[in-house]
Each structure stands twice: as C-alpha cells, then as structure tokens.
C-alpha cells in the first residue's frame, strides 16, 4: 500500500472520503491503473489513477448487503468518477465478518 506521501490526488480523495464516511478499522487502497492502461477505454487518458482495489473493514457496513455497501461507496465517490476515476474493485467487510472468517 502506498504511503499517504506517495498518494496521488485521486487516491487521497478516495482515502479522505471513505475515512469520513465509514470510520474504517482498515482501509487499503491499491492503484491498479497500470494493469488497465492498454484497454481501449483508456486511450488518450493521461491519468495514472483510474482503477483501484479497495479493501475496507467498517462497522458502518453492519446490517447491509454487499450491494448496499457498494452503493454507499460508489455514491460517496461520485465526484471522483466524474473527474476520471474509472473502476473500483471492492472488498467490504464488518469487523465481525473478519473475526468469523479468522475463526474458520
């Protein structure tokens, strides 16, 4: 994971927005843009911050389905999508889900 000093403007915006929205126990943002630079939709795009994997653990997800969790995040990041963010791969868990998975 990149340190905050290395974060570009999109990464910083994602981190700030999701931290404010979710107060996460864990927030990992991985920039996968270089893996997608050759795609036709990326022709002419100069941004190095278009595709991300986001792993987040937050109590804010309790009682919500995966779709509801993803909608929360996509809604909160709408301005980033309007300004160049192209795709997210989301892994959203509650702390209880992490504990349960570790016990299995």
PDB file of N, CA and C in Angstrom:
ATOM      1  N   UNK A   1       0.846  -1.173   0.000  1.00  0.00           N
ATOM      2  CA  UNK A   1       0.000   0.000   0.000  1.00  0.00           C
ATOM      3  C   UNK A   1       0.889   1.233   0.000  1.00  0.00           C
ATOM      4  N   UNK A   2       0.543   2.194  -0.799  1.00  0.00           N
ATOM      5  CA  UNK A   2       1.325   3.425  -0.874  1.00  0.00           C
ATOM      6  C   UNK A   2       1.144   4.219   0.409  1.00  0.00           C
ATOM      7  N   UNK A   3       2.194   4.884   0.831  1.00  0.00           N
ATOM      8  CA  UNK A   3       2.053   5.767   1.983  1.00  0.00           C
ATOM      9  C   UNK A   3       1.298   7.009   1.537  1.00  0.00           C
ATOM     10  N   UNK A   4       0.788   7.743   2.505  1.00  0.00           N
ATOM     11  CA  UNK A   4      -0.008   8.913   2.150  1.00  0.00           C
ATOM     12  C   UNK A   4       0.828   9.966   1.433  1.00  0.00           C
ATOM     13  N   UNK A   5       2.169  10.023   1.675  1.00  0.00           N
ATOM     14  CA  UNK A   5       3.008  10.976   0.960  1.00  0.00           C
ATOM     15  C   UNK A   5       3.078  10.642  -0.529  1.00  0.00           C
ATOM     16  N   UNK A   6       2.905   9.370  -0.885  1.00  0.00           N
ATOM     17  CA  UNK A   6       3.002   8.947  -2.276  1.00  0.00           C
ATOM     18  C   UNK A   6       1.659   8.984  -2.992  1.00  0.00           C
ATOM     19  N   UNK A   7       0.577   9.177  -2.239  1.00  0.00           N
ATOM     20  CA  UNK A   7      -0.753   9.165  -2.834  1.00  0.00           C
ATOM     21  C   UNK A   7      -0.918  10.294  -3.838  1.00  0.00           C
ATOM     22  N   UNK A   8      -1.524   9.949  -4.981  1.00  0.00           N
ATOM     23  CA  UNK A   8      -1.902  10.964  -5.945  1.00  0.00           C
ATOM     24  C   UNK A   8      -3.218  11.599  -5.514  1.00  0.00           C
ATOM     25  N   UNK A   9      -3.710  12.553  -6.270  1.00  0.00           N
ATOM     26  CA  UNK A   9      -4.921  13.266  -5.870  1.00  0.00           C
ATOM     27  C   UNK A   9      -6.168  12.388  -5.802  1.00  0.00           C
ATOM     28  N   UNK A  10      -6.296  11.408  -6.692  1.00  0.00           N
ATOM     29  CA  UNK A  10      -7.474  10.538  -6.659  1.00  0.00           C
ATOM     30  C   UNK A  10      -7.394   9.610  -5.449  1.00  0.00           C
ATOM     31  N   UNK A  11      -6.232   9.020  -5.227  1.00  0.00           N
ATOM     32  CA  UNK A  11      -6.046   8.149  -4.068  1.00  0.00           C
ATOM     33  C   UNK A  11      -6.324   8.920  -2.785  1.00  0.00           C
ATOM     34  N   UNK A  12      -5.812  10.124  -2.684  1.00  0.00           N
ATOM     35  CA  UNK A  12      -6.039  10.952  -1.498  1.00  0.00           C
ATOM     36  C   UNK A  12      -7.510  11.259  -1.303  1.00  0.00           C
ATOM     37  N   UNK A  13      -8.201  11.540  -2.391  1.00  0.00           N
ATOM     38  CA  UNK A  13      -9.631  11.839  -2.312  1.00  0.00           C
ATOM     39  C   UNK A  13     -10.416  10.609  -1.864  1.00  0.00           C
ATOM     40  N   UNK A  14     -10.090   9.443  -2.423  1.00  0.00           N
ATOM     41  CA  UNK A  14     -10.754   8.203  -2.017  1.00  0.00           C
ATOM     42  C   UNK A  14     -10.524   7.958  -0.531  1.00  0.00           C
ATOM     43  N   UNK A  15      -9.278   8.080  -0.094  1.00  0.00           N
ATOM     44  CA  UNK A  15      -8.927   7.838   1.310  1.00  0.00           C
ATOM     45  C   UNK A  15      -9.695   8.800   2.234  1.00  0.00           C
ATOM     46  N   UNK A  16      -9.692  10.064   1.890  1.00  0.00           N
ATOM     47  CA  UNK A  16     -10.367  11.069   2.712  1.00  0.00           C
ATOM     48  C   UNK A  16     -11.876  10.834   2.769  1.00  0.00           C
ATOM     49  N   UNK A  17     -12.479  10.604   1.620  1.00  0.00           N
ATOM     50  CA  UNK A  17     -13.926  10.415   1.541  1.00  0.00           C
ATOM     51  C   UNK A  17     -14.368   9.177   2.305  1.00  0.00           C
ATOM     52  N   UNK A  18     -13.661   8.063   2.101  1.00  0.00           N
ATOM     53  CA  UNK A  18     -14.069   6.821   2.754  1.00  0.00           C
ATOM     54  C   UNK A  18     -13.772   6.836   4.249  1.00  0.00           C
ATOM     55  N   UNK A  19     -12.721   7.509   4.650  1.00  0.00           N
ATOM     56  CA  UNK A  19     -12.426   7.636   6.076  1.00  0.00           C
ATOM     57  C   UNK A  19     -13.525   8.434   6.770  1.00  0.00           C
ATOM     58  N   UNK A  20     -13.940   9.518   6.146  1.00  0.00           N
ATOM     59  CA  UNK A  20     -15.006  10.343   6.720  1.00  0.00           C
ATOM     60  C   UNK A  20     -16.339   9.594   6.751  1.00  0.00           C
ATOM     61  N   UNK A  21     -16.658   8.890   5.681  1.00  0.00           N
ATOM     62  CA  UNK A  21     -17.934   8.180   5.571  1.00  0.00           C
ATOM     63  C   UNK A  21     -18.018   6.960   6.486  1.00  0.00           C
ATOM     64  N   UNK A  22     -16.940   6.194   6.573  1.00  0.00           N
ATOM     65  CA  UNK A  22     -17.002   4.866   7.170  1.00  0.00           C
ATOM     66  C   UNK A  22     -16.258   4.709   8.495  1.00  0.00           C
ATOM     67  N   UNK A  23     -15.403   5.632   8.854  1.00  0.00           N
ATOM     68  CA  UNK A  23     -14.537   5.467  10.032  1.00  0.00           C
ATOM     69  C   UNK A  23     -13.988   4.037  10.080  1.00  0.00           C
ATOM     70  N   UNK A  24     -13.288   3.627   9.041  1.00  0.00           N
ATOM     71  CA  UNK A  24     -12.900   2.216   8.923  1.00  0.00           C
ATOM     72  C   UNK A  24     -11.842   1.782   9.930  1.00  0.00           C
ATOM     73  N   UNK A  25     -11.930   0.503  10.310  1.00  0.00           N
ATOM     74  CA  UNK A  25     -10.869  -0.116  11.099  1.00  0.00           C
ATOM     75  C   UNK A  25      -9.675  -0.407  10.204  1.00  0.00           C
ATOM     76  N   UNK A  26      -9.972  -0.692   8.942  1.00  0.00           N
ATOM     77  CA  UNK A  26      -8.925  -0.958   7.956  1.00  0.00           C
ATOM     78  C   UNK A  26      -9.363  -0.345   6.633  1.00  0.00           C
ATOM     79  N   UNK A  27      -8.445   0.322   5.973  1.00  0.00           N
ATOM     80  CA  UNK A  27      -8.699   0.866   4.638  1.00  0.00           C
ATOM     81  C   UNK A  27      -7.430   0.687   3.822  1.00  0.00           C
ATOM     82  N   UNK A  28      -7.532  -0.134   2.804  1.00  0.00           N
ATOM     83  CA  UNK A  28      -6.396  -0.397   1.913  1.00  0.00           C
ATOM     84  C   UNK A  28      -6.818  -0.013   0.503  1.00  0.00           C
ATOM     85  N   UNK A  29      -6.038   0.859  -0.122  1.00  0.00           N
ATOM     86  CA  UNK A  29      -6.331   1.340  -1.466  1.00  0.00           C
ATOM     87  C   UNK A  29      -5.147   0.974  -2.354  1.00  0.00           C
ATOM     88  N   UNK A  30      -5.417   0.152  -3.366  1.00  0.00           N
ATOM     89  CA  UNK A  30      -4.358  -0.306  -4.266  1.00  0.00           C
ATOM     90  C   UNK A  30      -4.640   0.242  -5.666  1.00  0.00           C
ATOM     91  N   UNK A  31      -3.694   0.977  -6.198  1.00  0.00           N
ATOM     92  CA  UNK A  31      -3.835   1.553  -7.536  1.00  0.00           C
ATOM     93  C   UNK A  31      -3.448   0.499  -8.573  1.00  0.00           C
ATOM     94  N   UNK A  32      -4.438   0.021  -9.314  1.00  0.00           N
ATOM     95  CA  UNK A  32      -4.218  -0.979 -10.356  1.00  0.00           C
ATOM     96  C   UNK A  32      -4.257  -0.374 -11.763  1.00  0.00           C
ATOM     97  N   UNK A  33      -4.144   0.909 -11.862  1.00  0.00           N
ATOM     98  CA  UNK A  33      -4.315   1.589 -13.146  1.00  0.00           C
ATOM     99  C   UNK A  33      -3.357   1.098 -14.216  1.00  0.00           C
ATOM    100  N   UNK A  34      -2.133   0.794 -13.845  1.00  0.00           N
ATOM    101  CA  UNK A  34      -1.148   0.362 -14.848  1.00  0.00           C
ATOM    102  C   UNK A  34      -1.558  -0.949 -15.511  1.00  0.00           C
ATOM    103  N   UNK A  35      -2.345  -1.767 -14.826  1.00  0.00           N
ATOM    104  CA  UNK A  35      -2.798  -3.035 -15.387  1.00  0.00           C
ATOM    105  C   UNK A  35      -3.890  -2.843 -16.444  1.00  0.00           C
ATOM    106  N   UNK A  36      -4.447  -1.641 -16.514  1.00  0.00           N
ATOM    107  CA  UNK A  36      -5.570  -1.378 -17.416  1.00  0.00           C
ATOM    108  C   UNK A  36      -5.269  -0.297 -18.457  1.00  0.00           C
ATOM    109  N   UNK A  37      -4.064   0.218 -18.447  1.00  0.00           N
ATOM    110  CA  UNK A  37      -3.706   1.325 -19.337  1.00  0.00           C
ATOM    111  C   UNK A  37      -3.856   0.980 -20.809  1.00  0.00           C
ATOM    112  N   UNK A  38      -3.724  -0.291 -21.154  1.00  0.00           N
ATOM    113  CA  UNK A  38      -3.801  -0.717 -22.559  1.00  0.00           C
ATOM    114  C   UNK A  38      -5.239  -0.899 -23.052  1.00  0.00           C
ATOM    115  N   UNK A  39      -6.219  -0.841 -22.166  1.00  0.00           N
ATOM    116  CA  UNK A  39      -7.612  -1.038 -22.582  1.00  0.00           C
ATOM    117  C   UNK A  39      -8.071   0.105 -23.484  1.00  0.00           C
ATOM    118  N   UNK A  40      -8.936  -0.213 -24.422  1.00  0.00           N
ATOM    119  CA  UNK A  40      -9.382   0.792 -25.384  1.00  0.00           C
ATOM    120  C   UNK A  40     -10.046   1.988 -24.710  1.00  0.00           C
ATOM    121  N   UNK A  41     -10.756   1.772 -23.621  1.00  0.00           N
ATOM    122  CA  UNK A  41     -11.411   2.888 -22.925  1.00  0.00           C
ATOM    123  C   UNK A  41     -10.408   3.856 -22.313  1.00  0.00           C
ATOM    124  N   UNK A  42      -9.158   3.429 -22.176  1.00  0.00           N
ATOM    125  CA  UNK A  42      -8.135   4.267 -21.548  1.00  0.00           C
ATOM    126  C   UNK A  42      -7.283   5.015 -22.570  1.00  0.00           C
ATOM    127  N   UNK A  43      -7.551   4.823 -23.857  1.00  0.00           N
ATOM    128  CA  UNK A  43      -6.790   5.551 -24.882  1.00  0.00           C
ATOM    129  C   UNK A  43      -6.987   7.051 -24.706  1.00  0.00           C
ATOM    130  N   UNK A  44      -5.902   7.756 -24.684  1.00  0.00           N
ATOM    131  CA  UNK A  44      -5.956   9.202 -24.549  1.00  0.00           C
ATOM    132  C   UNK A  44      -6.095   9.692 -23.117  1.00  0.00           C
ATOM    133  N   UNK A  45      -6.200   8.785 -22.170  1.00  0.00           N
ATOM    134  CA  UNK A  45      -6.311   9.165 -20.760  1.00  0.00           C
ATOM    135  C   UNK A  45      -4.905   9.251 -20.187  1.00  0.00           C
ATOM    136  N   UNK A  46      -4.559  10.399 -19.655  1.00  0.00           N
ATOM    137  CA  UNK A  46      -3.212  10.583 -19.127  1.00  0.00           C
ATOM    138  C   UNK A  46      -3.122  10.300 -17.626  1.00  0.00           C
ATOM    139  N   UNK A  47      -4.242  10.191 -16.956  1.00  0.00           N
ATOM    140  CA  UNK A  47      -4.248   9.943 -15.511  1.00  0.00           C
ATOM    141  C   UNK A  47      -3.644   8.582 -15.192  1.00  0.00           C
ATOM    142  N   UNK A  48      -2.880   8.541 -14.139  1.00  0.00           N
ATOM    143  CA  UNK A  48      -2.305   7.287 -13.643  1.00  0.00           C
ATOM    144  C   UNK A  48      -3.139   6.755 -12.482  1.00  0.00           C
ATOM    145  N   UNK A  49      -4.339   7.321 -12.291  1.00  0.00           N
ATOM    146  CA  UNK A  49      -5.213   6.935 -11.192  1.00  0.00           C
ATOM    147  C   UNK A  49      -6.634   6.729 -11.708  1.00  0.00           C
ATOM    148  N   UNK A  50      -6.868   5.584 -12.325  1.00  0.00           N
ATOM    149  CA  UNK A  50      -8.180   5.306 -12.907  1.00  0.00           C
ATOM    150  C   UNK A  50      -8.829   4.042 -12.366  1.00  0.00           C
ATOM    151  N   UNK A  51      -8.031   3.073 -11.938  1.00  0.00           N
ATOM    152  CA  UNK A  51      -8.527   1.772 -11.488  1.00  0.00           C
ATOM    153  C   UNK A  51      -7.943   1.438 -10.110  1.00  0.00           C
ATOM    154  N   UNK A  52      -8.820   1.069  -9.173  1.00  0.00           N
ATOM    155  CA  UNK A  52      -8.378   0.786  -7.814  1.00  0.00           C
ATOM    156  C   UNK A  52      -9.046  -0.452  -7.247  1.00  0.00           C
ATOM    157  N   UNK A  53      -8.306  -1.142  -6.369  1.00  0.00           N
ATOM    158  CA  UNK A  53      -8.877  -2.155  -5.484  1.00  0.00           C
ATOM    159  C   UNK A  53      -8.956  -1.508  -4.109  1.00  0.00           C
ATOM    160  N   UNK A  54     -10.103  -1.635  -3.466  1.00  0.00           N
ATOM    161  CA  UNK A  54     -10.302  -1.053  -2.146  1.00  0.00           C
ATOM    162  C   UNK A  54     -10.783  -2.160  -1.207  1.00  0.00           C
ATOM    163  N   UNK A  55     -10.020  -2.372  -0.152  1.00  0.00           N
ATOM    164  CA  UNK A  55     -10.387  -3.312   0.903  1.00  0.00           C
ATOM    165  C   UNK A  55     -10.701  -2.482   2.139  1.00  0.00           C
ATOM    166  N   UNK A  56     -11.925  -2.629   2.645  1.00  0.00           N
ATOM    167  CA  UNK A  56     -12.323  -1.797   3.782  1.00  0.00           C
ATOM    168  C   UNK A  56     -13.103  -2.624   4.793  1.00  0.00           C
ATOM    169  N   UNK A  57     -12.753  -2.418   6.055  1.00  0.00           N
ATOM    170  CA  UNK A  57     -13.450  -3.052   7.175  1.00  0.00           C
ATOM    171  C   UNK A  57     -14.049  -1.929   8.003  1.00  0.00           C
ATOM    172  N   UNK A  58     -15.384  -1.976   8.157  1.00  0.00           N
ATOM    173  CA  UNK A  58     -16.062  -0.905   8.872  1.00  0.00           C
ATOM    174  C   UNK A  58     -17.339  -1.406   9.530  1.00  0.00           C
ATOM    175  N   UNK A  59     -17.599  -0.926  10.726  1.00  0.00           N
ATOM    176  CA  UNK A  59     -18.847  -1.210  11.430  1.00  0.00           C
ATOM    177  C   UNK A  59     -20.029  -0.597  10.679  1.00  0.00           C
ATOM    178  N   UNK A  60     -19.770   0.416   9.858  1.00  0.00           N
ATOM    179  CA  UNK A  60     -20.833   1.076   9.082  1.00  0.00           C
ATOM    180  C   UNK A  60     -21.523   0.115   8.115  1.00  0.00           C
ATOM    181  N   UNK A  61     -20.898  -1.016   7.827  1.00  0.00           N
ATOM    182  CA  UNK A  61     -21.491  -1.997   6.912  1.00  0.00           C
ATOM    183  C   UNK A  61     -22.444  -2.972   7.613  1.00  0.00           C
ATOM    184  N   UNK A  62     -22.508  -2.937   8.932  1.00  0.00           N
ATOM    185  CA  UNK A  62     -23.355  -3.871   9.677  1.00  0.00           C
ATOM    186  C   UNK A  62     -24.804  -3.766   9.229  1.00  0.00           C
ATOM    187  N   UNK A  63     -25.401  -4.920   8.965  1.00  0.00           N
ATOM    188  CA  UNK A  63     -26.796  -4.979   8.563  1.00  0.00           C
ATOM    189  C   UNK A  63     -27.053  -4.620   7.111  1.00  0.00           C
ATOM    190  N   UNK A  64     -25.988  -4.378   6.346  1.00  0.00           N
ATOM    191  CA  UNK A  64     -26.142  -4.003   4.937  1.00  0.00           C
ATOM    192  C   UNK A  64     -25.670  -5.138   4.031  1.00  0.00           C
ATOM    193  N   UNK A  65     -26.366  -5.304   2.921  1.00  0.00           N
ATOM    194  CA  UNK A  65     -25.951  -6.298   1.932  1.00  0.00           C
ATOM    195  C   UNK A  65     -24.709  -5.796   1.200  1.00  0.00           C
ATOM    196  N   UNK A  66     -24.077  -6.694   0.475  1.00  0.00           N
ATOM    197  CA  UNK A  66     -22.912  -6.300  -0.329  1.00  0.00           C
ATOM    198  C   UNK A  66     -23.291  -5.187  -1.298  1.00  0.00           C
ATOM    199  N   UNK A  67     -24.454  -5.301  -1.933  1.00  0.00           N
ATOM    200  CA  UNK A  67     -24.873  -4.273  -2.883  1.00  0.00           C
ATOM    201  C   UNK A  67     -25.063  -2.920  -2.186  1.00  0.00           C
ATOM    202  N   UNK A  68     -25.663  -2.921  -1.003  1.00  0.00           N
ATOM    203  CA  UNK A  68     -25.852  -1.666  -0.267  1.00  0.00           C
ATOM    204  C   UNK A  68     -24.509  -1.050   0.125  1.00  0.00           C
ATOM    205  N   UNK A  69     -23.569  -1.869   0.508  1.00  0.00           N
ATOM    206  CA  UNK A  69     -22.228  -1.391   0.865  1.00  0.00           C
ATOM    207  C   UNK A  69     -21.551  -0.743  -0.343  1.00  0.00           C
ATOM    208  N   UNK A  70     -21.639  -1.414  -1.472  1.00  0.00           N
ATOM    209  CA  UNK A  70     -21.007  -0.892  -2.683  1.00  0.00           C
ATOM    210  C   UNK A  70     -21.682   0.397  -3.124  1.00  0.00           C
ATOM    211  N   UNK A  71     -22.993   0.462  -3.016  1.00  0.00           N
ATOM    212  CA  UNK A  71     -23.704   1.696  -3.374  1.00  0.00           C
ATOM    213  C   UNK A  71     -23.290   2.853  -2.485  1.00  0.00           C
ATOM    214  N   UNK A  72     -23.065   2.578  -1.195  1.00  0.00           N
ATOM    215  CA  UNK A  72     -22.576   3.623  -0.284  1.00  0.00           C
ATOM    216  C   UNK A  72     -21.270   4.218  -0.805  1.00  0.00           C
ATOM    217  N   UNK A  73     -20.366   3.327  -1.184  1.00  0.00           N
ATOM    218  CA  UNK A  73     -19.041   3.764  -1.626  1.00  0.00           C
ATOM    219  C   UNK A  73     -19.120   4.463  -2.976  1.00  0.00           C
ATOM    220  N   UNK A  74     -19.820   3.862  -3.931  1.00  0.00           N
ATOM    221  CA  UNK A  74     -19.934   4.488  -5.251  1.00  0.00           C
ATOM    222  C   UNK A  74     -20.603   5.853  -5.156  1.00  0.00           C
ATOM    223  N   UNK A  75     -21.622   5.969  -4.325  1.00  0.00           N
ATOM    224  CA  UNK A  75     -22.295   7.259  -4.144  1.00  0.00           C
ATOM    225  C   UNK A  75     -21.367   8.306  -3.560  1.00  0.00           C
ATOM    226  N   UNK A  76     -20.596   7.906  -2.556  1.00  0.00           N
ATOM    227  CA  UNK A  76     -19.677   8.839  -1.908  1.00  0.00           C
ATOM    228  C   UNK A  76     -18.565   9.286  -2.844  1.00  0.00           C
ATOM    229  N   UNK A  77     -18.196   8.428  -3.799  1.00  0.00           N
ATOM    230  CA  UNK A  77     -17.086   8.745  -4.712  1.00  0.00           C
ATOM    231  C   UNK A  77     -17.568   9.261  -6.070  1.00  0.00           C
ATOM    232  N   UNK A  78     -18.819   9.678  -6.166  1.00  0.00           N
ATOM    233  CA  UNK A  78     -19.368  10.108  -7.463  1.00  0.00           C
ATOM    234  C   UNK A  78     -18.562  11.242  -8.089  1.00  0.00           C
ATOM    235  N   UNK A  79     -18.078  12.178  -7.279  1.00  0.00           N
ATOM    236  CA  UNK A  79     -17.287  13.283  -7.859  1.00  0.00           C
ATOM    237  C   UNK A  79     -15.962  12.774  -8.431  1.00  0.00           C
ATOM    238  N   UNK A  80     -15.409  11.736  -7.830  1.00  0.00           N
ATOM    239  CA  UNK A  80     -14.170  11.158  -8.362  1.00  0.00           C
ATOM    240  C   UNK A  80     -14.425  10.455  -9.691  1.00  0.00           C
ATOM    241  N   UNK A  81     -15.569   9.794  -9.814  1.00  0.00           N
ATOM    242  CA  UNK A  81     -15.936   9.171 -11.092  1.00  0.00           C
ATOM    243  C   UNK A  81     -16.166  10.250 -12.157  1.00  0.00           C
ATOM    244  N   UNK A  82     -16.700  11.375 -11.760  1.00  0.00           N
ATOM    245  CA  UNK A  82     -16.928  12.472 -12.703  1.00  0.00           C
ATOM    246  C   UNK A  82     -15.622  13.087 -13.196  1.00  0.00           C
ATOM    247  N   UNK A  83     -14.546  12.923 -12.431  1.00  0.00           N
ATOM    248  CA  UNK A  83     -13.279  13.566 -12.787  1.00  0.00           C
ATOM    249  C   UNK A  83     -12.175  12.590 -13.155  1.00  0.00           C
ATOM    250  N   UNK A  84     -12.526  11.341 -13.538  1.00  0.00           N
ATOM    251  CA  UNK A  84     -11.507  10.451 -14.079  1.00  0.00           C
ATOM    252  C   UNK A  84     -11.397   9.074 -13.471  1.00  0.00           C
ATOM    253  N   UNK A  85     -11.915   8.869 -12.252  1.00  0.00           N
ATOM    254  CA  UNK A  85     -11.917   7.517 -11.703  1.00  0.00           C
ATOM    255  C   UNK A  85     -12.777   6.656 -12.601  1.00  0.00           C
ATOM    256  N   UNK A  86     -12.268   5.501 -12.994  1.00  0.00           N
ATOM    257  CA  UNK A  86     -12.965   4.669 -13.972  1.00  0.00           C
ATOM    258  C   UNK A  86     -13.558   3.407 -13.357  1.00  0.00           C
ATOM    259  N   UNK A  87     -12.835   2.762 -12.426  1.00  0.00           N
ATOM    260  CA  UNK A  87     -13.316   1.491 -11.907  1.00  0.00           C
ATOM    261  C   UNK A  87     -12.784   1.211 -10.505  1.00  0.00           C
ATOM    262  N   UNK A  88     -13.634   0.535  -9.717  1.00  0.00           N
ATOM    263  CA  UNK A  88     -13.262   0.081  -8.383  1.00  0.00           C
ATOM    264  C   UNK A  88     -13.551  -1.413  -8.269  1.00  0.00           C
ATOM    265  N   UNK A  89     -12.687  -2.109  -7.584  1.00  0.00           N
ATOM    266  CA  UNK A  89     -12.946  -3.473  -7.156  1.00  0.00           C
ATOM    267  C   UNK A  89     -13.022  -3.408  -5.634  1.00  0.00           C
ATOM    268  N   UNK A  90     -14.189  -3.718  -5.070  1.00  0.00           N
ATOM    269  CA  UNK A  90     -14.419  -3.504  -3.648  1.00  0.00           C
ATOM    270  C   UNK A  90     -14.494  -4.810  -2.871  1.00  0.00           C
ATOM    271  N   UNK A  91     -13.866  -4.809  -1.717  1.00  0.00           N
ATOM    272  CA  UNK A  91     -13.995  -5.887  -0.740  1.00  0.00           C
ATOM    273  C   UNK A  91     -14.425  -5.193   0.547  1.00  0.00           C
ATOM    274  N   UNK A  92     -15.691  -5.375   0.941  1.00  0.00           N
ATOM    275  CA  UNK A  92     -16.270  -4.654   2.075  1.00  0.00           C
ATOM    276  C   UNK A  92     -16.692  -5.650   3.146  1.00  0.00           C
ATOM    277  N   UNK A  93     -16.171  -5.491   4.347  1.00  0.00           N
ATOM    278  CA  UNK A  93     -16.457  -6.401   5.459  1.00  0.00           C
ATOM    279  C   UNK A  93     -16.709  -5.611   6.737  1.00  0.00           C
ATOM    280  N   UNK A  94     -17.432  -6.248   7.661  1.00  0.00           N
ATOM    281  CA  UNK A  94     -17.573  -5.704   9.010  1.00  0.00           C
ATOM    282  C   UNK A  94     -16.485  -6.338   9.871  1.00  0.00           C
ATOM    283  N   UNK A  95     -16.177  -5.734  11.016  1.00  0.00           N
ATOM    284  CA  UNK A  95     -15.202  -6.371  11.916  1.00  0.00           C
ATOM    285  C   UNK A  95     -15.648  -7.780  12.333  1.00  0.00           C
ATOM    286  N   UNK A  96     -16.945  -7.972  12.571  1.00  0.00           N
ATOM    287  CA  UNK A  96     -17.451  -9.291  12.959  1.00  0.00           C
ATOM    288  C   UNK A  96     -17.234 -10.318  11.855  1.00  0.00           C
ATOM    289  N   UNK A  97     -17.377  -9.913  10.603  1.00  0.00           N
ATOM    290  CA  UNK A  97     -17.137 -10.830   9.489  1.00  0.00           C
ATOM    291  C   UNK A  97     -15.673 -11.238   9.416  1.00  0.00           C
ATOM    292  N   UNK A  98     -14.775 -10.342   9.743  1.00  0.00           N
ATOM    293  CA  UNK A  98     -13.347 -10.649   9.739  1.00  0.00           C
ATOM    294  C   UNK A  98     -13.036 -11.653  10.861  1.00  0.00           C
ATOM    295  N   UNK A  99     -13.594 -11.405  12.045  1.00  0.00           N
ATOM    296  CA  UNK A  99     -13.385 -12.325  13.170  1.00  0.00           C
ATOM    297  C   UNK A  99     -13.900 -13.713  12.817  1.00  0.00           C
ATOM    298  N   UNK A 100     -15.109 -13.773  12.263  1.00  0.00           N
ATOM    299  CA  UNK A 100     -15.716 -15.063  11.898  1.00  0.00           C
ATOM    300  C   UNK A 100     -14.863 -15.792  10.859  1.00  0.00           C
ATOM    301  N   UNK A 101     -14.366 -15.076   9.863  1.00  0.00           N
ATOM    302  CA  UNK A 101     -13.534 -15.680   8.817  1.00  0.00           C
ATOM    303  C   UNK A 101     -12.222 -16.200   9.411  1.00  0.00           C
ATOM    304  N   UNK A 102     -11.668 -15.495  10.383  1.00  0.00           N
ATOM    305  CA  UNK A 102     -10.414 -15.915  11.001  1.00  0.00           C
ATOM    306  C   UNK A 102     -10.596 -17.127  11.905  1.00  0.00           C
ATOM    307  N   UNK A 103     -11.821 -17.328  12.401  1.00  0.00           N
ATOM    308  CA  UNK A 103     -12.106 -18.475  13.257  1.00  0.00           C
ATOM    309  C   UNK A 103     -12.320 -19.747  12.444  1.00  0.00           C
ATOM    310  N   UNK A 104     -12.672 -19.595  11.200  1.00  0.00           N
ATOM    311  CA  UNK A 104     -12.992 -20.766  10.345  1.00  0.00           C
ATOM    312  C   UNK A 104     -11.759 -21.544   9.946  1.00  0.00           C
TER     313      UNK A 104
END
